[in-house]
């Protein structure tokens, strides 16, 4: 319940903007959003759309936990979980991209290998991305609502008492 009280208007505005930004950041270079710069050689599978949308929806509030501190105060857990969040975004990018448009997959596996080896792994990468982003978001929200022991001695902060 304490976490819900920290989700103010600023948090939700940043969250919505970050979700839209993530949709564009993932969607344009992977050609999930048709555009004149990037193209796909193979049409996107339904799982790619699901991964793209879910990853963007999860990334928005996750980014907001970094950019919109609880109650306007300095976030005492500022950079924690950033590596997991970034990894989740990179995995989502690999999961939704065209398997034969991925230059690394083509160089390592060849055209046929990218299509027949990397392609079937993409749904698993998509699931891993969504799970990683969701777990990191849940952890960041729990940290946001919890006072930390080192902050208890600061004036105006809640103190921790043993249960």
Protein backbone atom coordinates (compact mmCIF):
# COMPACT_ATOMS: atom_id res chain seq x y z
CA UNK A 1 0.00 0.00 0.00
CA UNK A 2 2.90 2.34 0.73
CA UNK A 3 4.09 1.87 -2.84
CA UNK A 4 0.79 3.04 -4.32
CA UNK A 5 1.04 6.32 -2.38
CA UNK A 6 4.40 7.05 -4.06
CA UNK A 7 2.92 6.80 -7.57
CA UNK A 8 2.01 10.44 -8.06
CA UNK A 9 0.99 12.34 -11.18
CA UNK A 10 4.61 12.99 -12.15
CA UNK A 11 5.36 9.25 -12.01
CA UNK A 12 2.46 8.44 -14.35
CA UNK A 13 3.32 11.23 -16.82
CA UNK A 14 6.93 10.03 -17.00
CA UNK A 15 5.70 6.44 -17.27
CA UNK A 16 3.40 7.19 -20.21
CA UNK A 17 6.07 9.23 -22.01
CA UNK A 18 8.67 6.49 -21.42
CA UNK A 19 6.29 3.77 -22.69
CA UNK A 20 5.63 5.74 -25.87
CA UNK A 21 9.35 6.39 -26.27
CA UNK A 22 10.11 2.69 -25.79
CA UNK A 23 7.45 1.73 -28.35
CA UNK A 24 9.17 4.02 -30.86
CA UNK A 25 12.71 3.05 -29.86
CA UNK A 26 11.97 -0.65 -30.29
CA UNK A 27 9.41 -0.35 -33.08
CA UNK A 28 11.20 1.83 -35.63
CA UNK A 29 14.53 0.01 -36.08
CA UNK A 30 12.86 -3.41 -35.96
CA UNK A 31 10.26 -2.21 -38.51
CA UNK A 32 7.40 -3.17 -36.22
CA UNK A 33 6.30 0.36 -37.12
CA UNK A 34 6.55 0.58 -40.92
CA UNK A 35 8.97 3.33 -41.91
CA UNK A 36 11.09 4.32 -44.91
CA UNK A 37 14.44 3.78 -43.14
CA UNK A 38 14.15 0.18 -41.88
CA UNK A 39 12.47 -2.83 -43.46
CA UNK A 40 11.89 -6.45 -42.52
CA UNK A 41 12.64 -9.35 -44.84
CA UNK A 42 10.33 -11.62 -42.84
CA UNK A 43 6.97 -10.50 -41.51
CA UNK A 44 6.75 -10.16 -37.71
CA UNK A 45 5.21 -13.08 -35.86
CA UNK A 46 2.31 -12.48 -33.42
CA UNK A 47 4.61 -13.13 -30.42
CA UNK A 48 6.81 -10.23 -31.58
CA UNK A 49 3.88 -7.81 -31.33
CA UNK A 50 3.00 -9.12 -27.88
CA UNK A 51 6.63 -8.85 -26.72
CA UNK A 52 6.93 -5.35 -28.20
CA UNK A 53 3.78 -4.05 -26.48
CA UNK A 54 4.39 -5.76 -23.12
CA UNK A 55 8.04 -4.69 -23.01
CA UNK A 56 7.09 -1.09 -23.73
CA UNK A 57 4.27 -1.09 -21.17
CA UNK A 58 6.63 -2.50 -18.51
CA UNK A 59 9.57 -0.28 -19.48
CA UNK A 60 7.54 2.92 -19.01
CA UNK A 61 6.91 2.59 -15.27
CA UNK A 62 10.35 1.02 -14.83
CA UNK A 63 12.00 4.07 -16.38
CA UNK A 64 9.73 6.29 -14.27
CA UNK A 65 11.11 4.70 -11.09
CA UNK A 66 14.48 6.15 -12.10
CA UNK A 67 13.30 9.55 -13.36
CA UNK A 68 10.43 10.40 -10.98
CA UNK A 69 11.63 9.84 -7.38
CA UNK A 70 9.02 9.01 -4.75
CA UNK A 71 7.43 12.12 -3.28
CA UNK A 72 9.88 14.37 -5.12
CA UNK A 73 12.71 13.35 -2.77
CA UNK A 74 16.04 11.97 -3.82
CA UNK A 75 15.84 8.27 -4.63
CA UNK A 76 18.07 6.35 -2.23
CA UNK A 77 18.12 3.36 -4.57
CA UNK A 78 18.79 5.51 -7.66
CA UNK A 79 20.73 3.21 -9.98
CA UNK A 80 19.87 -0.18 -8.53
CA UNK A 81 18.49 -2.60 -11.11
CA UNK A 82 19.56 -0.50 -14.11
CA UNK A 83 21.59 -3.39 -15.55
CA UNK A 84 18.61 -5.74 -15.44
CA UNK A 85 16.37 -3.09 -16.99
CA UNK A 86 18.82 -2.46 -19.82
CA UNK A 87 19.30 -6.17 -20.41
CA UNK A 88 15.54 -6.66 -20.56
CA UNK A 89 15.28 -3.95 -23.22
CA UNK A 90 18.13 -5.39 -25.28
CA UNK A 91 16.62 -8.87 -25.14
CA UNK A 92 13.26 -7.43 -26.26
CA UNK A 93 15.00 -5.79 -29.22
CA UNK A 94 16.53 -9.13 -30.25
CA UNK A 95 13.23 -10.94 -29.73
CA UNK A 96 11.15 -8.69 -31.98
CA UNK A 97 13.65 -8.05 -34.75
CA UNK A 98 13.70 -9.88 -38.06
CA UNK A 99 15.93 -12.96 -37.55
CA UNK A 100 17.69 -12.61 -40.92
CA UNK A 101 18.06 -8.83 -40.55
CA UNK A 102 20.14 -9.37 -37.40
CA UNK A 103 23.67 -9.01 -38.77
CA UNK A 104 25.27 -10.72 -35.78
CA UNK A 105 23.01 -13.78 -36.11
CA UNK A 106 23.68 -13.96 -39.85
CA UNK A 107 27.48 -13.67 -39.39
CA UNK A 108 27.59 -16.27 -36.61
CA UNK A 109 24.95 -18.70 -37.92
CA UNK A 110 24.61 -17.87 -41.59
CA UNK A 111 21.34 -16.94 -43.29
CA UNK A 112 19.86 -20.40 -42.88
CA UNK A 113 21.00 -20.64 -39.24
CA UNK A 114 19.58 -17.22 -38.41
CA UNK A 115 16.26 -18.34 -39.81
CA UNK A 116 16.23 -21.91 -38.47
CA UNK A 117 18.15 -21.54 -35.17
CA UNK A 118 17.84 -17.93 -34.01
CA UNK A 119 14.26 -17.48 -35.28
CA UNK A 120 12.77 -20.26 -33.12
CA UNK A 121 14.61 -18.87 -30.07
CA UNK A 122 13.00 -15.44 -30.40
CA UNK A 123 9.75 -16.33 -28.54
CA UNK A 124 11.89 -17.56 -25.63
CA UNK A 125 13.88 -14.32 -25.72
CA UNK A 126 10.60 -12.40 -25.72
CA UNK A 127 9.34 -14.27 -22.67
CA UNK A 128 12.68 -13.74 -20.89
CA UNK A 129 12.53 -10.03 -21.65
CA UNK A 130 9.01 -9.62 -20.29
CA UNK A 131 9.81 -11.65 -17.16
CA UNK A 132 13.02 -9.71 -16.51
CA UNK A 133 11.35 -6.32 -16.99
CA UNK A 134 8.36 -7.31 -14.82
CA UNK A 135 10.57 -8.66 -12.02
CA UNK A 136 12.78 -5.58 -12.09
CA UNK A 137 9.75 -3.27 -12.04
CA UNK A 138 8.24 -5.15 -9.08
CA UNK A 139 11.55 -4.97 -7.23
CA UNK A 140 12.00 -1.24 -7.98
CA UNK A 141 8.46 -0.48 -6.79
CA UNK A 142 9.05 -2.43 -3.56
CA UNK A 143 12.28 -0.50 -2.97
CA UNK A 144 10.47 2.76 -3.71
CA UNK A 145 7.99 2.21 -0.90
CA UNK A 146 10.45 0.89 1.68
CA UNK A 147 12.52 3.14 3.94
CA UNK A 148 16.15 2.11 4.10
CA UNK A 149 18.18 1.61 7.29
CA UNK A 150 20.87 4.14 6.36
CA UNK A 151 18.19 6.81 5.83
CA UNK A 152 16.55 6.23 9.23
CA UNK A 153 19.02 8.51 10.97
CA UNK A 154 18.29 11.41 8.59
CA UNK A 155 15.82 14.01 9.90
CA UNK A 156 12.31 13.61 8.55
CA UNK A 157 12.74 9.97 7.53
CA UNK A 158 10.78 7.11 9.02
CA UNK A 159 12.74 4.88 11.34
CA UNK A 160 12.83 1.14 11.07
CA UNK A 161 11.76 -0.81 14.08
CA UNK A 162 12.37 -4.53 14.53
CA UNK A 163 9.23 -6.63 14.21
